[in-house]
C-alpha cells in the first residue's frame, strides 16, 4: 500500500469504526486521523493496520482495537497541558494518539526491546512530548507523577493501589476490567472517592489480557 492508500484507510477507520461508536470529541477524532497506525506495526501487518481488531505485536503485546482505544481515550477527557501515563505501551500507538491531546506523556513497558522500538517510532513520527521508559507495568512510573490521566492498554483482573495512587486528586484511570471468570471485559474508569477509589463501568469490551495484572492464585489448606 502507498501513502495515499494508508490515508484512505485511516479515514475509513475513523468514519466507519470510531465515529459510529459514540466517539464525538473532535480532538480525539483528529488525533486518530493524524497518527499513522501502520507505522506502529510490523511491515507484514501494514496492509491490515486499520482493521477493527487487536493486532499482535512482537514481544507479546497487542495494538488495541481502534474503537475501544478511542472510547477509552475520550472517556479520560484529556486536555492540553495534562500529564498522562500510558501503561503497557507496546509499540507506542496509543501514546502517540494521547500526545496529540496532552501536554506530556510517560509510557511504560517491561521489555527493553519494546521500549527502544516504541521510542524510535515516536521520534521518527515527530512525537516530542512522549517518553517510553522501562518499568513493571503494575508499578507505573511514580517518579513523574502524579498524573491527570492513566491509560492501561489491555484488560486487567485487578487494579493495584500502587498505580491508582499515582493519580492526581481529580485524575482518572481507564482500562478494561475483566475478572478471570468473566466471558467479556468492561471498559471502566477509576476515580478517587475520598480516600478510596471507585470504578465506573462504561461499555463491554474484549481486548487482550495483560498478564502482569492477573490476580495471584489463592492457596487453601
Protein backbone atom coordinates (compact mmCIF):
# COMPACT_ATOMS: atom_id res chain seq x y z
CA UNK A 1 0.00 0.00 0.00
CA UNK A 2 1.19 3.53 -0.77
CA UNK A 3 0.80 6.65 1.36
CA UNK A 4 -2.50 7.64 -0.26
CA UNK A 5 -3.93 4.19 0.43
CA UNK A 6 -2.95 4.42 4.10
CA UNK A 7 -4.55 7.86 4.39
CA UNK A 8 -7.76 6.50 2.86
CA UNK A 9 -7.72 3.51 5.23
CA UNK A 10 -7.14 5.85 8.18
CA UNK A 11 -10.14 7.98 7.26
CA UNK A 12 -12.30 4.87 6.81
CA UNK A 13 -11.20 3.64 10.25
CA UNK A 14 -12.39 6.89 11.80
CA UNK A 15 -15.59 7.17 9.76
CA UNK A 16 -16.66 3.51 9.90
CA UNK A 17 -15.29 2.23 13.22
CA UNK A 18 -14.72 5.14 15.59
CA UNK A 19 -17.40 7.75 14.82
CA UNK A 20 -20.28 5.22 14.87
CA UNK A 21 -19.09 4.03 18.31
CA UNK A 22 -20.10 7.23 20.14
CA UNK A 23 -16.74 8.96 19.78
CA UNK A 24 -17.69 12.61 19.26
CA UNK A 25 -14.71 14.55 20.66
CA UNK A 26 -13.26 16.22 17.56
CA UNK A 27 -9.77 16.43 19.04
CA UNK A 28 -9.77 12.67 19.60
CA UNK A 29 -11.02 12.08 16.06
CA UNK A 30 -8.36 14.41 14.65
CA UNK A 31 -5.63 12.54 16.53
CA UNK A 32 -6.75 9.23 15.03
CA UNK A 33 -6.88 10.86 11.59
CA UNK A 34 -3.33 12.17 12.03
CA UNK A 35 -1.29 9.34 13.59
CA UNK A 36 -0.18 6.71 11.02
CA UNK A 37 -1.22 3.41 12.63
CA UNK A 38 0.75 1.50 10.01
CA UNK A 39 4.00 2.89 11.45
CA UNK A 40 3.38 1.06 14.74
CA UNK A 41 3.09 -2.50 13.37
CA UNK A 42 5.50 -4.84 11.58
CA UNK A 43 5.96 -4.48 7.82
CA UNK A 44 3.99 -7.66 7.19
CA UNK A 45 1.00 -6.20 9.09
CA UNK A 46 0.79 -2.78 7.50
CA UNK A 47 -1.81 -3.83 4.93
CA UNK A 48 -4.16 -4.76 7.80
CA UNK A 49 -3.17 -1.97 10.20
CA UNK A 50 -6.64 -0.38 10.09
CA UNK A 51 -8.88 -3.41 10.61
CA UNK A 52 -11.25 -3.35 13.57
CA UNK A 53 -9.33 -5.96 15.56
CA UNK A 54 -6.45 -6.16 18.01
CA UNK A 55 -3.12 -6.74 16.28
CA UNK A 56 -0.40 -8.90 17.82
CA UNK A 57 2.95 -7.13 18.17
CA UNK A 58 6.45 -8.55 18.61
CA UNK A 59 7.19 -9.15 22.27
CA UNK A 60 3.70 -10.42 23.08
CA UNK A 61 1.92 -7.05 23.27
CA UNK A 62 -1.07 -6.04 21.17
CA UNK A 63 -2.27 -2.98 19.35
CA UNK A 64 -5.70 -2.40 20.87
CA UNK A 65 -8.76 -2.37 18.59
CA UNK A 66 -9.18 1.25 17.37
CA UNK A 67 -12.76 1.66 18.56
CA UNK A 68 -12.01 0.52 22.12
CA UNK A 69 -8.86 2.65 22.32
CA UNK A 70 -10.72 5.73 21.04
CA UNK A 71 -13.58 5.34 23.52
CA UNK A 72 -11.20 4.86 26.45
CA UNK A 73 -9.20 7.94 25.46
CA UNK A 74 -12.36 10.01 25.03
CA UNK A 75 -13.57 8.93 28.48
CA UNK A 76 -10.35 10.22 30.05
CA UNK A 77 -11.17 13.77 28.85
CA UNK A 78 -7.52 14.65 28.21
CA UNK A 79 -6.80 18.35 27.77
CA UNK A 80 -3.80 20.37 26.63
CA UNK A 81 -1.31 20.64 29.44
CA UNK A 82 -2.35 17.39 31.13
CA UNK A 83 0.24 14.86 32.24
CA UNK A 84 -0.66 11.30 31.19
CA UNK A 85 0.75 7.86 32.00
CA UNK A 86 0.31 5.02 29.50
CA UNK A 87 0.79 1.51 30.92
CA UNK A 88 1.61 -1.37 28.57
CA UNK A 89 2.50 0.97 25.72
CA UNK A 90 3.51 -1.73 23.23
CA UNK A 91 4.86 -0.04 20.11
CA UNK A 92 3.62 3.40 21.23
CA UNK A 93 0.49 3.93 19.11
CA UNK A 94 -1.80 4.86 21.99
CA UNK A 95 0.93 7.09 23.40
CA UNK A 96 1.22 8.91 20.06
CA UNK A 97 -2.55 9.50 19.95
CA UNK A 98 -2.55 10.85 23.51
CA UNK A 99 0.50 13.03 22.79
CA UNK A 100 -1.70 14.98 20.35
CA UNK A 101 -4.10 15.76 23.20
CA UNK A 102 -1.92 16.15 26.30
CA UNK A 103 1.00 18.24 27.49
CA UNK A 104 3.26 15.29 28.25
CA UNK A 105 3.11 11.50 28.14
CA UNK A 106 5.11 8.90 30.03
CA UNK A 107 4.70 5.39 28.60
CA UNK A 108 5.92 2.29 30.42
CA UNK A 109 6.86 -1.12 29.10
CA UNK A 110 8.60 -4.09 30.69
CA UNK A 111 10.66 -5.31 27.75
CA UNK A 112 13.78 -3.32 26.83
CA UNK A 113 13.40 -4.19 23.14
CA UNK A 114 9.85 -2.82 23.05
CA UNK A 115 10.89 0.30 24.96
CA UNK A 116 13.61 1.07 22.41
CA UNK A 117 11.39 0.30 19.43
CA UNK A 118 8.46 2.39 20.71
CA UNK A 119 10.72 5.35 21.43
CA UNK A 120 12.27 5.05 17.98
CA UNK A 121 8.85 5.03 16.27
CA UNK A 122 7.61 8.00 18.28
CA UNK A 123 10.71 10.06 17.45
CA UNK A 124 10.57 9.13 13.77
CA UNK A 125 6.95 10.36 13.68
CA UNK A 126 7.76 13.70 15.27
CA UNK A 127 6.26 12.98 18.70
CA UNK A 128 8.43 15.04 21.04
CA UNK A 129 6.27 15.19 24.17
CA UNK A 130 6.20 11.45 24.94
CA UNK A 131 8.89 9.27 26.51
CA UNK A 132 8.95 5.48 26.86
CA UNK A 133 10.59 4.02 29.97
CA UNK A 134 11.27 0.51 31.25
CA UNK A 135 9.21 -0.41 34.30
CA UNK A 136 7.00 -3.15 35.64
CA UNK A 137 3.50 -2.33 34.43
CA UNK A 138 1.91 -2.63 37.87
CA UNK A 139 4.48 -0.16 39.23
CA UNK A 140 3.66 2.57 36.73
CA UNK A 141 6.20 5.40 36.97
CA UNK A 142 5.71 7.34 40.18
CA UNK A 143 8.84 9.43 39.60
CA UNK A 144 6.97 11.64 37.11
CA UNK A 145 3.59 11.55 38.87
CA UNK A 146 1.02 12.46 39.84
CA UNK A 147 -0.83 12.11 36.53
CA UNK A 148 -4.05 13.72 35.40
CA UNK A 149 -4.95 10.57 33.47
CA UNK A 150 -3.67 7.00 33.25
CA UNK A 151 -4.45 4.61 30.38
CA UNK A 152 -3.83 0.88 30.76
CA UNK A 153 -3.67 -0.63 27.27
CA UNK A 154 -5.25 -4.01 27.91
CA UNK A 155 -7.61 -5.91 30.17
CA UNK A 156 -6.88 -6.44 33.84
CA UNK A 157 -8.11 -8.82 36.55
CA UNK A 158 -7.20 -6.36 39.29
CA UNK A 159 -6.05 -2.77 39.60
CA UNK A 160 -3.17 -2.31 42.08
CA UNK A 161 -3.48 0.50 44.58
CA UNK A 162 0.12 1.49 43.86
CA UNK A 163 -0.94 2.52 40.34
CA UNK A 164 -4.12 4.28 41.42
CA UNK A 165 -2.15 6.31 43.95
CA UNK A 166 -0.24 7.90 41.05
CA UNK A 167 -3.40 9.77 40.00
CA UNK A 168 -3.77 13.47 40.76
CA UNK A 169 -6.66 14.34 43.16
CA UNK A 170 -9.19 14.66 40.31
CA UNK A 171 -7.46 12.18 38.00
CA UNK A 172 -8.96 9.30 36.03
CA UNK A 173 -7.63 5.87 35.09
CA UNK A 174 -9.07 3.93 32.14
CA UNK A 175 -8.71 0.21 31.48
CA UNK A 176 -10.78 -2.84 30.57
CA UNK A 177 -11.71 -4.75 33.74
CA UNK A 178 -12.11 -8.47 33.20
CA UNK A 179 -12.13 -10.88 36.17
CA UNK A 180 -10.89 -14.40 35.40
CA UNK A 181 -14.44 -15.79 35.47
CA UNK A 182 -15.92 -13.15 33.15
CA UNK A 183 -16.61 -14.03 29.48
CA UNK A 184 -16.08 -10.41 28.42
CA UNK A 185 -14.48 -7.31 29.91
CA UNK A 186 -15.96 -3.95 30.86
CA UNK A 187 -14.18 -0.75 29.88
CA UNK A 188 -14.06 1.27 33.06
CA UNK A 189 -12.91 4.47 34.72
CA UNK A 190 -11.34 4.50 38.17
CA UNK A 191 -11.61 7.77 40.12
CA UNK A 192 -10.92 8.94 43.66
CA UNK A 193 -13.77 8.99 46.13
CA UNK A 194 -12.47 10.35 49.41
CA UNK A 195 -9.55 8.19 50.50
CA UNK A 196 -10.51 5.27 48.22
CA UNK A 197 -11.29 4.69 44.53
CA UNK A 198 -14.47 3.79 42.67
CA UNK A 199 -14.81 2.04 39.31
CA UNK A 200 -17.37 3.34 36.82
CA UNK A 201 -18.40 0.86 34.07
CA UNK A 202 -18.53 2.36 30.57
CA UNK A 203 -19.13 -0.34 27.92
CA UNK A 204 -18.41 -4.00 27.19
CA UNK A 205 -15.07 -4.69 25.52
CA UNK A 206 -12.92 -7.68 24.73
CA UNK A 207 -9.21 -6.87 24.43
CA UNK A 208 -6.09 -8.96 25.18
CA UNK A 209 -5.21 -9.51 28.80
CA UNK A 210 -2.11 -8.03 30.44
CA UNK A 211 -0.63 -10.91 32.44
CA UNK A 212 1.05 -8.51 34.88
CA UNK A 213 -2.42 -7.59 36.19
CA UNK A 214 -3.56 -11.15 36.87
CA UNK A 215 -4.57 -11.94 40.42
CA UNK A 216 -2.20 -14.21 42.27
CA UNK A 217 -3.65 -17.68 42.97
CA UNK A 218 -5.03 -18.13 46.45
CA UNK A 219 -3.87 -21.23 48.27
CA UNK A 220 -6.11 -23.06 50.71
CA UNK A 221 -5.03 -25.65 53.23
